[in-house]
Amino acid sequence: MHVVFIIKLQSLLLTIFFIIVLPYFSHGQHIDIDTLKYKLWSAHDSLQWSDFQKSPVEKELKYGFRAKTLTSLVYFYTPALWHIDSCMNVYVAVSRQNSFTKDTTDKILLGHERIHFDIAELFARYLRKEFIMLSQSDENTLEQYLSLRDSLFQSANVFQDIYDEETMYGLNAREQKKWTEYIDKELETWKGYTFDQIPQHCKKYITKNEGN
């Protein structure tokens, strides 16, 4: 298991990106995601303040963070076996137990955070396209998949920073509206690269916990 932490400290909120890469060697097996702990990205189930379940610690309060969102990108790698190409897949989720807010009435901040989540999904779609192209090439080692991942991940971080700067963390209503419309349009443009659209042999199915 390969784990990378990248931490961004910001004046209004703290965003942490947590990456996990898991080798996967058995075709057809279901991969269970604990949806009590993780909020999976969905076009039909927006991020809510109820998904921010952590209590802020003293250090976070000291630095004046209004919210913390921990976004997890979970990768599954399937090596080439016989006539089946290798592939890598990625989930986008928010860790409920590691995300907090100090104000569950702030709709502006919540809307801003939702677009951060959408941006993560958008870059996951960019990445899925690259993964599919790589899987169809003659040389598609795990190292090449990880190189693509690292490159897109760095681009995503820069993009998220620009989003924060231009919208003033959601306080600039005009810019926030422009960004929201732009990301919505991009997600529609890249709808062919949602998790469900990847090659059949690389699909991993999510088993939701009861009561979720």
Protein backbone atom coordinates (compact mmCIF):
# COMPACT_ATOMS: atom_id res chain seq x y z
CA MET A 1 0.00 0.00 0.00
CA HIS A 2 1.36 3.38 -1.03
CA VAL A 3 0.18 6.39 0.97
CA VAL A 4 0.82 10.06 0.24
CA PHE A 5 -0.35 13.01 2.34
CA ILE A 6 -0.52 16.49 0.85
CA ILE A 7 -1.67 19.26 3.19
CA LYS A 8 -2.81 22.73 2.15
CA LEU A 9 -3.14 25.34 4.88
CA GLN A 10 -5.54 28.15 4.04
CA SER A 11 -6.94 31.14 5.86
CA LEU A 12 -10.57 30.03 5.79
CA LEU A 13 -10.36 26.27 5.69
CA LEU A 14 -8.01 23.34 5.72
CA THR A 15 -8.15 20.83 2.90
CA ILE A 16 -6.30 17.52 3.11
CA PHE A 17 -5.95 15.12 0.21
CA PHE A 18 -5.30 11.48 1.12
CA ILE A 19 -4.24 9.03 -1.58
CA ILE A 20 -4.28 5.25 -1.26
CA VAL A 21 -3.06 2.85 -3.92
CA LEU A 22 -4.08 -0.78 -3.46
CA PRO A 23 -2.88 -3.67 -5.63
CA TYR A 24 -5.78 -5.80 -6.81
CA PHE A 25 -5.26 -9.26 -8.27
CA SER A 26 -8.63 -10.99 -8.36
CA HIS A 27 -11.06 -10.23 -11.16
CA GLY A 28 -14.75 -10.21 -10.27
CA GLN A 29 -14.32 -9.65 -6.54
CA HIS A 30 -16.32 -6.83 -5.00
CA ILE A 31 -14.47 -3.99 -3.27
CA ASP A 32 -16.37 -2.73 -0.23
CA ILE A 33 -16.27 0.96 0.62
CA ASP A 34 -17.51 1.85 4.09
CA THR A 35 -20.09 4.46 3.18
CA LEU A 36 -20.73 5.24 6.82
CA LYS A 37 -17.20 6.64 6.95
CA TYR A 38 -16.87 7.88 3.38
CA LYS A 39 -19.11 10.07 1.23
CA LEU A 40 -18.70 8.86 -2.34
CA TRP A 41 -18.99 11.47 -5.06
CA SER A 42 -22.38 11.34 -6.76
CA ALA A 43 -24.20 13.67 -9.11
CA HIS A 44 -27.40 12.80 -7.24
CA ASP A 45 -26.17 13.09 -3.65
CA SER A 46 -24.49 16.41 -2.86
CA LEU A 47 -22.15 17.03 0.03
CA GLN A 48 -24.04 18.11 3.17
CA TRP A 49 -22.86 19.61 6.45
CA SER A 50 -24.00 16.36 8.07
CA ASP A 51 -21.11 14.71 6.24
CA PHE A 52 -18.68 16.78 8.33
CA GLN A 53 -18.67 14.65 11.46
CA LYS A 54 -15.36 15.42 13.15
CA SER A 55 -15.08 17.80 16.09
CA PRO A 56 -12.35 20.42 15.49
CA VAL A 57 -9.28 20.11 17.69
CA GLU A 58 -7.67 23.02 19.53
CA LYS A 59 -4.99 23.58 16.87
CA GLU A 60 -7.60 23.89 14.13
CA LEU A 61 -9.61 26.35 16.19
CA LYS A 62 -6.49 28.33 17.05
CA TYR A 63 -5.72 28.98 13.38
CA GLY A 64 -9.30 30.02 12.68
CA PHE A 65 -10.28 27.30 10.24
CA ARG A 66 -13.99 27.43 9.45
CA ALA A 67 -14.03 23.98 7.92
CA LYS A 68 -11.82 21.04 7.06
CA THR A 69 -12.54 18.69 4.20
CA LEU A 70 -10.55 15.50 3.76
CA THR A 71 -10.92 14.20 0.22
CA SER A 72 -9.77 10.64 -0.42
CA LEU A 73 -8.78 9.33 -3.82
CA VAL A 74 -8.74 5.54 -3.64
CA TYR A 75 -6.99 3.69 -6.44
CA PHE A 76 -7.26 0.03 -7.43
CA TYR A 77 -4.70 -1.49 -9.77
CA THR A 78 -5.36 -4.62 -11.81
CA PRO A 79 -2.27 -6.08 -13.51
CA ALA A 80 -2.42 -7.60 -16.99
CA LEU A 81 -3.51 -11.22 -16.92
CA TRP A 82 -3.60 -13.41 -20.03
CA HIS A 83 -5.68 -11.57 -22.65
CA ILE A 84 -6.91 -8.87 -20.23
CA ASP A 85 -5.19 -5.49 -20.19
CA SER A 86 -3.94 -3.92 -16.99
CA CYS A 87 -5.93 -1.01 -15.63
CA MET A 88 -6.25 1.35 -12.70
CA ASN A 89 -9.41 2.82 -11.26
CA VAL A 90 -10.08 5.67 -8.86
CA TYR A 91 -12.83 6.54 -6.38
CA VAL A 92 -13.42 10.06 -5.08
CA ALA A 93 -14.78 10.35 -1.55
CA VAL A 94 -14.87 12.64 1.46
CA SER A 95 -13.86 11.15 4.79
CA ARG A 96 -16.76 12.00 7.06
CA GLN A 97 -14.87 11.23 10.27
CA ASN A 98 -12.00 13.55 9.34
CA SER A 99 -13.97 16.55 8.08
CA PHE A 100 -15.46 19.29 10.23
CA THR A 101 -17.26 22.61 10.08
CA LYS A 102 -17.77 25.26 12.72
CA ASP A 103 -20.95 26.60 11.13
CA THR A 104 -23.62 24.27 9.77
CA THR A 105 -25.76 27.25 8.71
CA ASP A 106 -23.26 28.72 6.22
CA LYS A 107 -24.77 27.84 2.84
CA ILE A 108 -22.17 29.88 0.96
CA LEU A 109 -19.27 27.92 2.42
CA LEU A 110 -21.08 24.63 1.84
CA GLY A 111 -21.65 25.53 -1.81
CA HIS A 112 -17.98 26.39 -2.12
CA GLU A 113 -16.97 23.04 -0.60
CA ARG A 114 -19.27 21.15 -2.93
CA ILE A 115 -17.41 22.55 -5.92
CA HIS A 116 -14.10 21.45 -4.38
CA PHE A 117 -15.57 17.95 -4.29
CA ASP A 118 -16.77 18.31 -7.89
CA ILE A 119 -13.31 19.46 -8.99
CA ALA A 120 -11.83 16.33 -7.44
CA GLU A 121 -14.29 14.22 -9.46
CA LEU A 122 -13.53 16.20 -12.62
CA PHE A 123 -9.81 15.48 -12.34
CA ALA A 124 -10.63 11.85 -11.57
CA ARG A 125 -12.41 11.77 -14.94
CA TYR A 126 -9.37 13.26 -16.65
CA LEU A 127 -7.31 10.57 -14.95
CA ARG A 128 -9.67 7.75 -15.91
CA LYS A 129 -9.30 8.73 -19.56
CA GLU A 130 -5.51 8.65 -19.25
CA PHE A 131 -5.69 5.30 -17.46
CA ILE A 132 -7.84 3.82 -20.23
CA MET A 133 -5.46 5.05 -22.93
CA LEU A 134 -2.48 3.66 -21.03
CA SER A 135 -4.19 0.29 -20.53
CA GLN A 136 -4.49 -0.02 -24.31
CA SER A 137 -0.81 0.71 -24.97
CA ASP A 138 1.93 -1.90 -25.26
CA GLU A 139 3.72 -0.66 -22.16
CA ASN A 140 1.51 -0.07 -19.15
CA THR A 141 3.41 -0.74 -15.95
CA LEU A 142 2.27 0.24 -12.47
CA GLU A 143 5.01 2.90 -12.44
CA GLN A 144 3.47 4.53 -15.52
CA TYR A 145 0.04 4.58 -13.92
CA LEU A 146 1.49 6.19 -10.81
CA SER A 147 3.34 8.76 -12.89
CA LEU A 148 0.08 9.78 -14.57
CA ARG A 149 -1.61 9.93 -11.19
CA ASP A 150 1.08 12.17 -9.69
CA SER A 151 1.04 14.55 -12.65
CA LEU A 152 -2.74 14.97 -12.64
CA PHE A 153 -2.78 15.25 -8.87
CA GLN A 154 -0.36 18.17 -8.94
CA SER A 155 -2.47 19.87 -11.61
CA ALA A 156 -5.58 19.35 -9.48
CA ASN A 157 -3.94 21.00 -6.47
CA VAL A 158 -3.01 24.05 -8.53
CA PHE A 159 -6.54 24.19 -9.93
CA GLN A 160 -8.08 24.00 -6.45
CA ASP A 161 -5.84 26.86 -5.27
CA ILE A 162 -6.87 29.03 -8.22
CA TYR A 163 -10.52 28.29 -7.44
CA ASP A 164 -10.06 29.42 -3.83
CA GLU A 165 -8.20 32.57 -4.85
CA GLU A 166 -10.65 33.69 -7.53
CA THR A 167 -13.76 33.01 -5.44
CA MET A 168 -12.22 34.26 -2.18
CA TYR A 169 -13.27 30.94 -0.62
CA GLY A 170 -16.82 31.47 -1.85
CA LEU A 171 -17.22 35.04 -0.60
CA ASN A 172 -17.10 36.50 -4.10
CA ALA A 173 -20.60 35.54 -5.24
CA ARG A 174 -20.07 36.53 -8.87
CA GLU A 175 -16.90 34.45 -9.27
CA GLN A 176 -18.41 31.57 -7.32
CA LYS A 177 -21.34 31.47 -9.72
CA LYS A 178 -18.98 31.48 -12.72
CA TRP A 179 -16.93 28.63 -11.29
CA THR A 180 -19.99 26.59 -10.38
CA GLU A 181 -21.36 26.90 -13.91
CA TYR A 182 -17.98 26.10 -15.44
CA ILE A 183 -17.42 22.95 -13.33
CA ASP A 184 -20.97 21.76 -13.98
CA LYS A 185 -20.37 22.15 -17.71
CA GLU A 186 -17.03 20.32 -17.55
CA LEU A 187 -18.55 17.42 -15.62
CA GLU A 188 -21.19 17.11 -18.32
CA THR A 189 -18.54 17.25 -21.05
CA TRP A 190 -16.58 14.46 -19.36
CA LYS A 191 -19.57 12.33 -18.40
CA GLY A 192 -18.18 9.49 -20.50
CA TYR A 193 -15.44 8.99 -17.91
CA THR A 194 -17.45 8.47 -14.75
CA PHE A 195 -16.56 5.47 -12.65
CA ASP A 196 -19.29 3.42 -14.32
CA GLN A 197 -17.93 4.13 -17.80
CA ILE A 198 -14.52 2.51 -17.39
CA PRO A 199 -13.75 -0.85 -19.07
CA GLN A 200 -15.86 -3.72 -17.77
CA HIS A 201 -12.93 -5.79 -16.49
CA CYS A 202 -11.68 -2.86 -14.41
CA LYS A 203 -14.96 -2.13 -12.64
CA LYS A 204 -15.10 -2.59 -8.89
CA TYR A 205 -18.52 -2.61 -7.32
CA ILE A 206 -19.43 -0.73 -4.16
CA THR A 207 -21.43 -2.47 -1.48
CA LYS A 208 -23.21 0.15 0.62
CA ASN A 209 -23.68 -0.40 4.33
CA GLU A 210 -27.20 -1.00 5.57
CA GLY A 211 -29.00 2.12 6.61
CA ASN A 212 -27.00 4.36 4.28
